[in-house]
């Protein structure tokens, strides 16, 4: 094996190792429990899911329509729209 081939293999292995480390770091779940609900570029709710009780509430839109937001067991979702 020539010196150039060895350098190429080393560079490929280094890039692969860096990609694996970044993937592991990037795929970790977030420890943050804060969410913001934004309507027309304005924050209308800022909630800490670790402190919120299970509940459902409705957000009405001035143009018509609505979203029903459900908080349960520290998770949030749009339950109905």
PDB file of N, CA and C in Angstrom:
ATOM      1  N   UNK A   1       0.831  -1.179   0.000  1.00  0.00           N
ATOM      2  CA  UNK A   1       0.000   0.000   0.000  1.00  0.00           C
ATOM      3  C   UNK A   1       0.876   1.244   0.000  1.00  0.00           C
ATOM      4  N   UNK A   2       0.491   2.178  -0.821  1.00  0.00           N
ATOM      5  CA  UNK A   2       1.262   3.410  -0.881  1.00  0.00           C
ATOM      6  C   UNK A   2       0.849   4.349   0.249  1.00  0.00           C
ATOM      7  N   UNK A   3       1.666   5.346   0.458  1.00  0.00           N
ATOM      8  CA  UNK A   3       1.410   6.318   1.519  1.00  0.00           C
ATOM      9  C   UNK A   3       0.100   7.068   1.264  1.00  0.00           C
ATOM     10  N   UNK A   4      -0.198   7.360   0.014  1.00  0.00           N
ATOM     11  CA  UNK A   4      -1.428   8.075  -0.348  1.00  0.00           C
ATOM     12  C   UNK A   4      -2.679   7.265  -0.019  1.00  0.00           C
ATOM     13  N   UNK A   5      -2.638   5.960  -0.265  1.00  0.00           N
ATOM     14  CA  UNK A   5      -3.772   5.095   0.037  1.00  0.00           C
ATOM     15  C   UNK A   5      -3.988   5.014   1.541  1.00  0.00           C
ATOM     16  N   UNK A   6      -2.895   4.920   2.302  1.00  0.00           N
ATOM     17  CA  UNK A   6      -3.001   4.872   3.758  1.00  0.00           C
ATOM     18  C   UNK A   6      -3.610   6.171   4.305  1.00  0.00           C
ATOM     19  N   UNK A   7      -3.182   7.285   3.755  1.00  0.00           N
ATOM     20  CA  UNK A   7      -3.751   8.577   4.179  1.00  0.00           C
ATOM     21  C   UNK A   7      -5.240   8.664   3.836  1.00  0.00           C
ATOM     22  N   UNK A   8      -5.605   8.178   2.683  1.00  0.00           N
ATOM     23  CA  UNK A   8      -7.010   8.199   2.276  1.00  0.00           C
ATOM     24  C   UNK A   8      -7.861   7.329   3.199  1.00  0.00           C
ATOM     25  N   UNK A   9      -7.386   6.144   3.519  1.00  0.00           N
ATOM     26  CA  UNK A   9      -8.114   5.246   4.426  1.00  0.00           C
ATOM     27  C   UNK A   9      -8.234   5.888   5.810  1.00  0.00           C
ATOM     28  N   UNK A  10      -7.170   6.498   6.286  1.00  0.00           N
ATOM     29  CA  UNK A  10      -7.191   7.180   7.580  1.00  0.00           C
ATOM     30  C   UNK A  10      -8.192   8.326   7.600  1.00  0.00           C
ATOM     31  N   UNK A  11      -8.225   9.108   6.514  1.00  0.00           N
ATOM     32  CA  UNK A  11      -9.161  10.231   6.430  1.00  0.00           C
ATOM     33  C   UNK A  11     -10.608   9.742   6.402  1.00  0.00           C
ATOM     34  N   UNK A  12     -10.860   8.674   5.658  1.00  0.00           N
ATOM     35  CA  UNK A  12     -12.209   8.109   5.587  1.00  0.00           C
ATOM     36  C   UNK A  12     -12.648   7.597   6.955  1.00  0.00           C
ATOM     37  N   UNK A  13     -11.755   6.900   7.667  1.00  0.00           N
ATOM     38  CA  UNK A  13     -12.079   6.391   9.000  1.00  0.00           C
ATOM     39  C   UNK A  13     -12.333   7.537   9.980  1.00  0.00           C
ATOM     40  N   UNK A  14     -11.556   8.598   9.886  1.00  0.00           N
ATOM     41  CA  UNK A  14     -11.741   9.760  10.750  1.00  0.00           C
ATOM     42  C   UNK A  14     -13.082  10.438  10.481  1.00  0.00           C
ATOM     43  N   UNK A  15     -13.437  10.596   9.237  1.00  0.00           N
ATOM     44  CA  UNK A  15     -14.728  11.198   8.877  1.00  0.00           C
ATOM     45  C   UNK A  15     -15.876  10.312   9.348  1.00  0.00           C
ATOM     46  N   UNK A  16     -15.735   9.010   9.196  1.00  0.00           N
ATOM     47  CA  UNK A  16     -16.771   8.079   9.640  1.00  0.00           C
ATOM     48  C   UNK A  16     -16.955   8.160  11.161  1.00  0.00           C
ATOM     49  N   UNK A  17     -15.850   8.174  11.900  1.00  0.00           N
ATOM     50  CA  UNK A  17     -15.927   8.253  13.361  1.00  0.00           C
ATOM     51  C   UNK A  17     -16.590   9.564  13.789  1.00  0.00           C
ATOM     52  N   UNK A  18     -16.243  10.660  13.146  1.00  0.00           N
ATOM     53  CA  UNK A  18     -16.851  11.948  13.471  1.00  0.00           C
ATOM     54  C   UNK A  18     -18.350  11.932  13.168  1.00  0.00           C
ATOM     55  N   UNK A  19     -18.752  11.314  12.076  1.00  0.00           N
ATOM     56  CA  UNK A  19     -20.169  11.227  11.720  1.00  0.00           C
ATOM     57  C   UNK A  19     -20.947  10.408  12.748  1.00  0.00           C
ATOM     58  N   UNK A  20     -20.352   9.323  13.224  1.00  0.00           N
ATOM     59  CA  UNK A  20     -21.011   8.490  14.240  1.00  0.00           C
ATOM     60  C   UNK A  20     -21.193   9.282  15.531  1.00  0.00           C
ATOM     61  N   UNK A  21     -20.162   9.985  15.957  1.00  0.00           N
ATOM     62  CA  UNK A  21     -20.249  10.785  17.193  1.00  0.00           C
ATOM     63  C   UNK A  21     -21.314  11.863  17.043  1.00  0.00           C
ATOM     64  N   UNK A  22     -21.334  12.574  15.940  1.00  0.00           N
ATOM     65  CA  UNK A  22     -22.339  13.625  15.727  1.00  0.00           C
ATOM     66  C   UNK A  22     -23.750  13.055  15.650  1.00  0.00           C
ATOM     67  N   UNK A  23     -23.912  11.878  15.073  1.00  0.00           N
ATOM     68  CA  UNK A  23     -25.232  11.253  14.997  1.00  0.00           C
ATOM     69  C   UNK A  23     -25.728  10.874  16.388  1.00  0.00           C
ATOM     70  N   UNK A  24     -24.855  10.340  17.211  1.00  0.00           N
ATOM     71  CA  UNK A  24     -25.244   9.960  18.574  1.00  0.00           C
ATOM     72  C   UNK A  24     -25.636  11.202  19.370  1.00  0.00           C
ATOM     73  N   UNK A  25     -24.870  12.257  19.255  1.00  0.00           N
ATOM     74  CA  UNK A  25     -25.182  13.507  19.968  1.00  0.00           C
ATOM     75  C   UNK A  25     -26.476  14.110  19.432  1.00  0.00           C
ATOM     76  N   UNK A  26     -26.656  14.121  18.140  1.00  0.00           N
ATOM     77  CA  UNK A  26     -27.838  14.736  17.525  1.00  0.00           C
ATOM     78  C   UNK A  26     -29.124  13.974  17.760  1.00  0.00           C
ATOM     79  N   UNK A  27     -29.051  12.666  17.984  1.00  0.00           N
ATOM     80  CA  UNK A  27     -30.253  11.854  18.155  1.00  0.00           C
ATOM     81  C   UNK A  27     -30.686  11.715  19.613  1.00  0.00           C
ATOM     82  N   UNK A  28     -29.926  12.285  20.537  1.00  0.00           N
ATOM     83  CA  UNK A  28     -30.332  12.235  21.935  1.00  0.00           C
ATOM     84  C   UNK A  28     -31.595  13.072  22.117  1.00  0.00           C
ATOM     85  N   UNK A  29     -32.562  12.589  22.881  1.00  0.00           N
ATOM     86  CA  UNK A  29     -33.760  13.396  23.114  1.00  0.00           C
ATOM     87  C   UNK A  29     -33.421  14.652  23.901  1.00  0.00           C
ATOM     88  N   UNK A  30     -34.140  15.681  23.616  1.00  0.00           N
ATOM     89  CA  UNK A  30     -33.924  16.949  24.283  1.00  0.00           C
ATOM     90  C   UNK A  30     -34.320  16.852  25.748  1.00  0.00           C
ATOM     91  N   UNK A  31     -33.550  17.490  26.608  1.00  0.00           N
ATOM     92  CA  UNK A  31     -33.882  17.508  28.024  1.00  0.00           C
ATOM     93  C   UNK A  31     -34.799  18.678  28.353  1.00  0.00           C
ATOM     94  N   UNK A  32     -34.997  19.564  27.420  1.00  0.00           N
ATOM     95  CA  UNK A  32     -35.858  20.714  27.632  1.00  0.00           C
ATOM     96  C   UNK A  32     -37.321  20.290  27.635  1.00  0.00           C
ATOM     97  N   UNK A  33     -38.085  20.873  28.531  1.00  0.00           N
ATOM     98  CA  UNK A  33     -39.510  20.555  28.598  1.00  0.00           C
ATOM     99  C   UNK A  33     -40.359  21.783  28.284  1.00  0.00           C
ATOM    100  N   UNK A  34     -39.744  22.835  27.796  1.00  0.00           N
ATOM    101  CA  UNK A  34     -40.474  24.061  27.459  1.00  0.00           C
ATOM    102  C   UNK A  34     -40.954  24.008  26.016  1.00  0.00           C
ATOM    103  N   UNK A  35     -42.184  24.467  25.798  1.00  0.00           N
ATOM    104  CA  UNK A  35     -42.722  24.602  24.448  1.00  0.00           C
ATOM    105  C   UNK A  35     -43.326  25.992  24.309  1.00  0.00           C
ATOM    106  N   UNK A  36     -43.308  26.487  23.099  1.00  0.00           N
ATOM    107  CA  UNK A  36     -43.975  27.757  22.780  1.00  0.00           C
ATOM    108  C   UNK A  36     -44.997  27.486  21.705  1.00  0.00           C
ATOM    109  N   UNK A  37     -46.180  28.044  21.887  1.00  0.00           N
ATOM    110  CA  UNK A  37     -47.216  27.971  20.859  1.00  0.00           C
ATOM    111  C   UNK A  37     -47.272  29.349  20.223  1.00  0.00           C
ATOM    112  N   UNK A  38     -47.047  29.376  18.914  1.00  0.00           N
ATOM    113  CA  UNK A  38     -46.926  30.640  18.183  1.00  0.00           C
ATOM    114  C   UNK A  38     -48.077  30.765  17.201  1.00  0.00           C
ATOM    115  N   UNK A  39     -48.670  31.967  17.155  1.00  0.00           N
ATOM    116  CA  UNK A  39     -49.739  32.265  16.197  1.00  0.00           C
ATOM    117  C   UNK A  39     -49.431  33.611  15.559  1.00  0.00           C
ATOM    118  N   UNK A  40     -49.366  33.640  14.240  1.00  0.00           N
ATOM    119  CA  UNK A  40     -49.046  34.862  13.494  1.00  0.00           C
ATOM    120  C   UNK A  40     -47.752  35.507  13.993  1.00  0.00           C
ATOM    121  N   UNK A  41     -46.718  34.694  14.153  1.00  0.00           N
ATOM    122  CA  UNK A  41     -45.387  35.131  14.593  1.00  0.00           C
ATOM    123  C   UNK A  41     -45.387  35.755  15.988  1.00  0.00           C
ATOM    124  N   UNK A  42     -46.355  35.425  16.811  1.00  0.00           N
ATOM    125  CA  UNK A  42     -46.443  35.949  18.169  1.00  0.00           C
ATOM    126  C   UNK A  42     -46.633  34.777  19.129  1.00  0.00           C
ATOM    127  N   UNK A  43     -45.815  34.716  20.180  1.00  0.00           N
ATOM    128  CA  UNK A  43     -45.929  33.644  21.170  1.00  0.00           C
ATOM    129  C   UNK A  43     -47.189  33.883  21.992  1.00  0.00           C
ATOM    130  N   UNK A  44     -48.126  32.919  21.931  1.00  0.00           N
ATOM    131  CA  UNK A  44     -49.363  33.072  22.697  1.00  0.00           C
ATOM    132  C   UNK A  44     -49.375  32.212  23.957  1.00  0.00           C
ATOM    133  N   UNK A  45     -48.556  31.167  23.989  1.00  0.00           N
ATOM    134  CA  UNK A  45     -48.398  30.323  25.179  1.00  0.00           C
ATOM    135  C   UNK A  45     -46.949  29.904  25.288  1.00  0.00           C
ATOM    136  N   UNK A  46     -46.425  29.901  26.505  1.00  0.00           N
ATOM    137  CA  UNK A  46     -45.111  29.341  26.802  1.00  0.00           C
ATOM    138  C   UNK A  46     -45.325  28.421  27.996  1.00  0.00           C
ATOM    139  N   UNK A  47     -45.118  27.126  27.792  1.00  0.00           N
ATOM    140  CA  UNK A  47     -45.476  26.130  28.793  1.00  0.00           C
ATOM    141  C   UNK A  47     -44.287  25.258  29.154  1.00  0.00           C
ATOM    142  N   UNK A  48     -44.190  24.912  30.437  1.00  0.00           N
ATOM    143  CA  UNK A  48     -43.205  23.944  30.907  1.00  0.00           C
ATOM    144  C   UNK A  48     -43.945  22.632  31.107  1.00  0.00           C
ATOM    145  N   UNK A  49     -43.737  21.686  30.205  1.00  0.00           N
ATOM    146  CA  UNK A  49     -44.489  20.424  30.231  1.00  0.00           C
ATOM    147  C   UNK A  49     -44.205  19.590  31.472  1.00  0.00           C
ATOM    148  N   UNK A  50     -43.068  19.811  32.120  1.00  0.00           N
ATOM    149  CA  UNK A  50     -42.774  19.050  33.333  1.00  0.00           C
ATOM    150  C   UNK A  50     -43.631  19.516  34.508  1.00  0.00           C
ATOM    151  N   UNK A  51     -44.210  20.720  34.404  1.00  0.00           N
ATOM    152  CA  UNK A  51     -45.039  21.256  35.484  1.00  0.00           C
ATOM    153  C   UNK A  51     -46.518  21.344  35.128  1.00  0.00           C
ATOM    154  N   UNK A  52     -46.856  21.179  33.860  1.00  0.00           N
ATOM    155  CA  UNK A  52     -48.251  21.278  33.422  1.00  0.00           C
ATOM    156  C   UNK A  52     -49.038  20.041  33.826  1.00  0.00           C
ATOM    157  N   UNK A  53     -50.260  20.271  34.268  1.00  0.00           N
ATOM    158  CA  UNK A  53     -51.168  19.161  34.547  1.00  0.00           C
ATOM    159  C   UNK A  53     -51.787  18.709  33.226  1.00  0.00           C
ATOM    160  N   UNK A  54     -52.271  17.478  33.202  1.00  0.00           N
ATOM    161  CA  UNK A  54     -52.950  16.969  32.011  1.00  0.00           C
ATOM    162  C   UNK A  54     -54.176  17.832  31.743  1.00  0.00           C
ATOM    163  N   UNK A  55     -54.265  18.349  30.539  1.00  0.00           N
ATOM    164  CA  UNK A  55     -55.405  19.192  30.179  1.00  0.00           C
ATOM    165  C   UNK A  55     -55.519  19.304  28.670  1.00  0.00           C
ATOM    166  N   UNK A  56     -56.663  19.787  28.255  1.00  0.00           N
ATOM    167  CA  UNK A  56     -56.928  20.059  26.843  1.00  0.00           C
ATOM    168  C   UNK A  56     -57.480  21.472  26.749  1.00  0.00           C
ATOM    169  N   UNK A  57     -56.982  22.229  25.778  1.00  0.00           N
ATOM    170  CA  UNK A  57     -57.517  23.577  25.573  1.00  0.00           C
ATOM    171  C   UNK A  57     -57.586  23.867  24.082  1.00  0.00           C
ATOM    172  N   UNK A  58     -58.357  24.885  23.769  1.00  0.00           N
ATOM    173  CA  UNK A  58     -58.653  25.206  22.378  1.00  0.00           C
ATOM    174  C   UNK A  58     -58.069  26.566  22.032  1.00  0.00           C
ATOM    175  N   UNK A  59     -57.458  26.655  20.860  1.00  0.00           N
ATOM    176  CA  UNK A  59     -56.934  27.920  20.349  1.00  0.00           C
ATOM    177  C   UNK A  59     -57.751  28.284  19.119  1.00  0.00           C
ATOM    178  N   UNK A  60     -58.459  29.396  19.199  1.00  0.00           N
ATOM    179  CA  UNK A  60     -59.258  29.881  18.069  1.00  0.00           C
ATOM    180  C   UNK A  60     -58.427  30.846  17.232  1.00  0.00           C
ATOM    181  N   UNK A  61     -58.672  30.840  15.931  1.00  0.00           N
ATOM    182  CA  UNK A  61     -57.966  31.715  15.010  1.00  0.00           C
ATOM    183  C   UNK A  61     -58.898  32.817  14.550  1.00  0.00           C
ATOM    184  N   UNK A  62     -58.398  34.053  14.447  1.00  0.00           N
ATOM    185  CA  UNK A  62     -59.244  35.179  14.031  1.00  0.00           C
ATOM    186  C   UNK A  62     -59.884  34.974  12.656  1.00  0.00           C
ATOM    187  N   UNK A  63     -59.188  34.273  11.761  1.00  0.00           N
ATOM    188  CA  UNK A  63     -59.699  34.046  10.411  1.00  0.00           C
ATOM    189  C   UNK A  63     -60.699  32.898  10.369  1.00  0.00           C
ATOM    190  N   UNK A  64     -60.947  32.273  11.490  1.00  0.00           N
ATOM    191  CA  UNK A  64     -61.809  31.102  11.554  1.00  0.00           C
ATOM    192  C   UNK A  64     -60.978  29.855  11.756  1.00  0.00           C
ATOM    193  N   UNK A  65     -61.582  28.846  12.320  1.00  0.00           N
ATOM    194  CA  UNK A  65     -60.875  27.599  12.589  1.00  0.00           C
ATOM    195  C   UNK A  65     -60.330  27.584  14.004  1.00  0.00           C
ATOM    196  N   UNK A  66     -59.829  26.431  14.390  1.00  0.00           N
ATOM    197  CA  UNK A  66     -59.307  26.247  15.744  1.00  0.00           C
ATOM    198  C   UNK A  66     -58.427  25.017  15.801  1.00  0.00           C
ATOM    199  N   UNK A  67     -57.648  24.925  16.848  1.00  0.00           N
ATOM    200  CA  UNK A  67     -56.851  23.742  17.156  1.00  0.00           C
ATOM    201  C   UNK A  67     -57.107  23.375  18.610  1.00  0.00           C
ATOM    202  N   UNK A  68     -57.265  22.096  18.857  1.00  0.00           N
ATOM    203  CA  UNK A  68     -57.413  21.610  20.220  1.00  0.00           C
ATOM    204  C   UNK A  68     -56.071  21.012  20.640  1.00  0.00           C
ATOM    205  N   UNK A  69     -55.475  21.590  21.670  1.00  0.00           N
ATOM    206  CA  UNK A  69     -54.159  21.184  22.147  1.00  0.00           C
ATOM    207  C   UNK A  69     -54.341  20.305  23.382  1.00  0.00           C
ATOM    208  N   UNK A  70     -53.649  19.172  23.390  1.00  0.00           N
ATOM    209  CA  UNK A  70     -53.753  18.248  24.519  1.00  0.00           C
ATOM    210  C   UNK A  70     -52.383  18.072  25.152  1.00  0.00           C
ATOM    211  N   UNK A  71     -52.349  18.237  26.480  1.00  0.00           N
ATOM    212  CA  UNK A  71     -51.140  17.968  27.254  1.00  0.00           C
ATOM    213  C   UNK A  71     -51.446  16.764  28.132  1.00  0.00           C
ATOM    214  N   UNK A  72     -50.621  15.723  28.003  1.00  0.00           N
ATOM    215  CA  UNK A  72     -50.848  14.502  28.778  1.00  0.00           C
ATOM    216  C   UNK A  72     -49.507  13.828  29.042  1.00  0.00           C
ATOM    217  N   UNK A  73     -49.257  13.524  30.291  1.00  0.00           N
ATOM    218  CA  UNK A  73     -48.042  12.817  30.708  1.00  0.00           C
ATOM    219  C   UNK A  73     -46.767  13.495  30.211  1.00  0.00           C
ATOM    220  N   UNK A  74     -46.731  14.833  30.229  1.00  0.00           N
ATOM    221  CA  UNK A  74     -45.540  15.573  29.817  1.00  0.00           C
ATOM    222  C   UNK A  74     -45.338  15.671  28.325  1.00  0.00           C
ATOM    223  N   UNK A  75     -46.328  15.273  27.521  1.00  0.00           N
ATOM    224  CA  UNK A  75     -46.261  15.377  26.068  1.00  0.00           C
ATOM    225  C   UNK A  75     -47.364  16.303  25.594  1.00  0.00           C
ATOM    226  N   UNK A  76     -47.155  16.903  24.441  1.00  0.00           N
ATOM    227  CA  UNK A  76     -48.146  17.827  23.890  1.00  0.00           C
ATOM    228  C   UNK A  76     -48.432  17.426  22.442  1.00  0.00           C
ATOM    229  N   UNK A  77     -49.689  17.602  22.036  1.00  0.00           N
ATOM    230  CA  UNK A  77     -50.057  17.301  20.654  1.00  0.00           C
ATOM    231  C   UNK A  77     -51.301  18.099  20.260  1.00  0.00           C
ATOM    232  N   UNK A  78     -51.538  18.169  18.965  1.00  0.00           N
ATOM    233  CA  UNK A  78     -52.782  18.711  18.441  1.00  0.00           C
ATOM    234  C   UNK A  78     -53.749  17.553  18.367  1.00  0.00           C
ATOM    235  N   UNK A  79     -54.781  17.574  19.239  1.00  0.00           N
ATOM    236  CA  UNK A  79     -55.706  16.462  19.323  1.00  0.00           C
ATOM    237  C   UNK A  79     -56.793  16.557  18.263  1.00  0.00           C
ATOM    238  N   UNK A  80     -57.141  17.780  17.866  1.00  0.00           N
ATOM    239  CA  UNK A  80     -58.204  17.969  16.874  1.00  0.00           C
ATOM    240  C   UNK A  80     -58.020  19.337  16.248  1.00  0.00           C
ATOM    241  N   UNK A  81     -58.488  19.471  15.024  1.00  0.00           N
ATOM    242  CA  UNK A  81     -58.375  20.756  14.323  1.00  0.00           C
ATOM    243  C   UNK A  81     -59.584  20.953  13.429  1.00  0.00           C
TER     244      UNK A  81
END
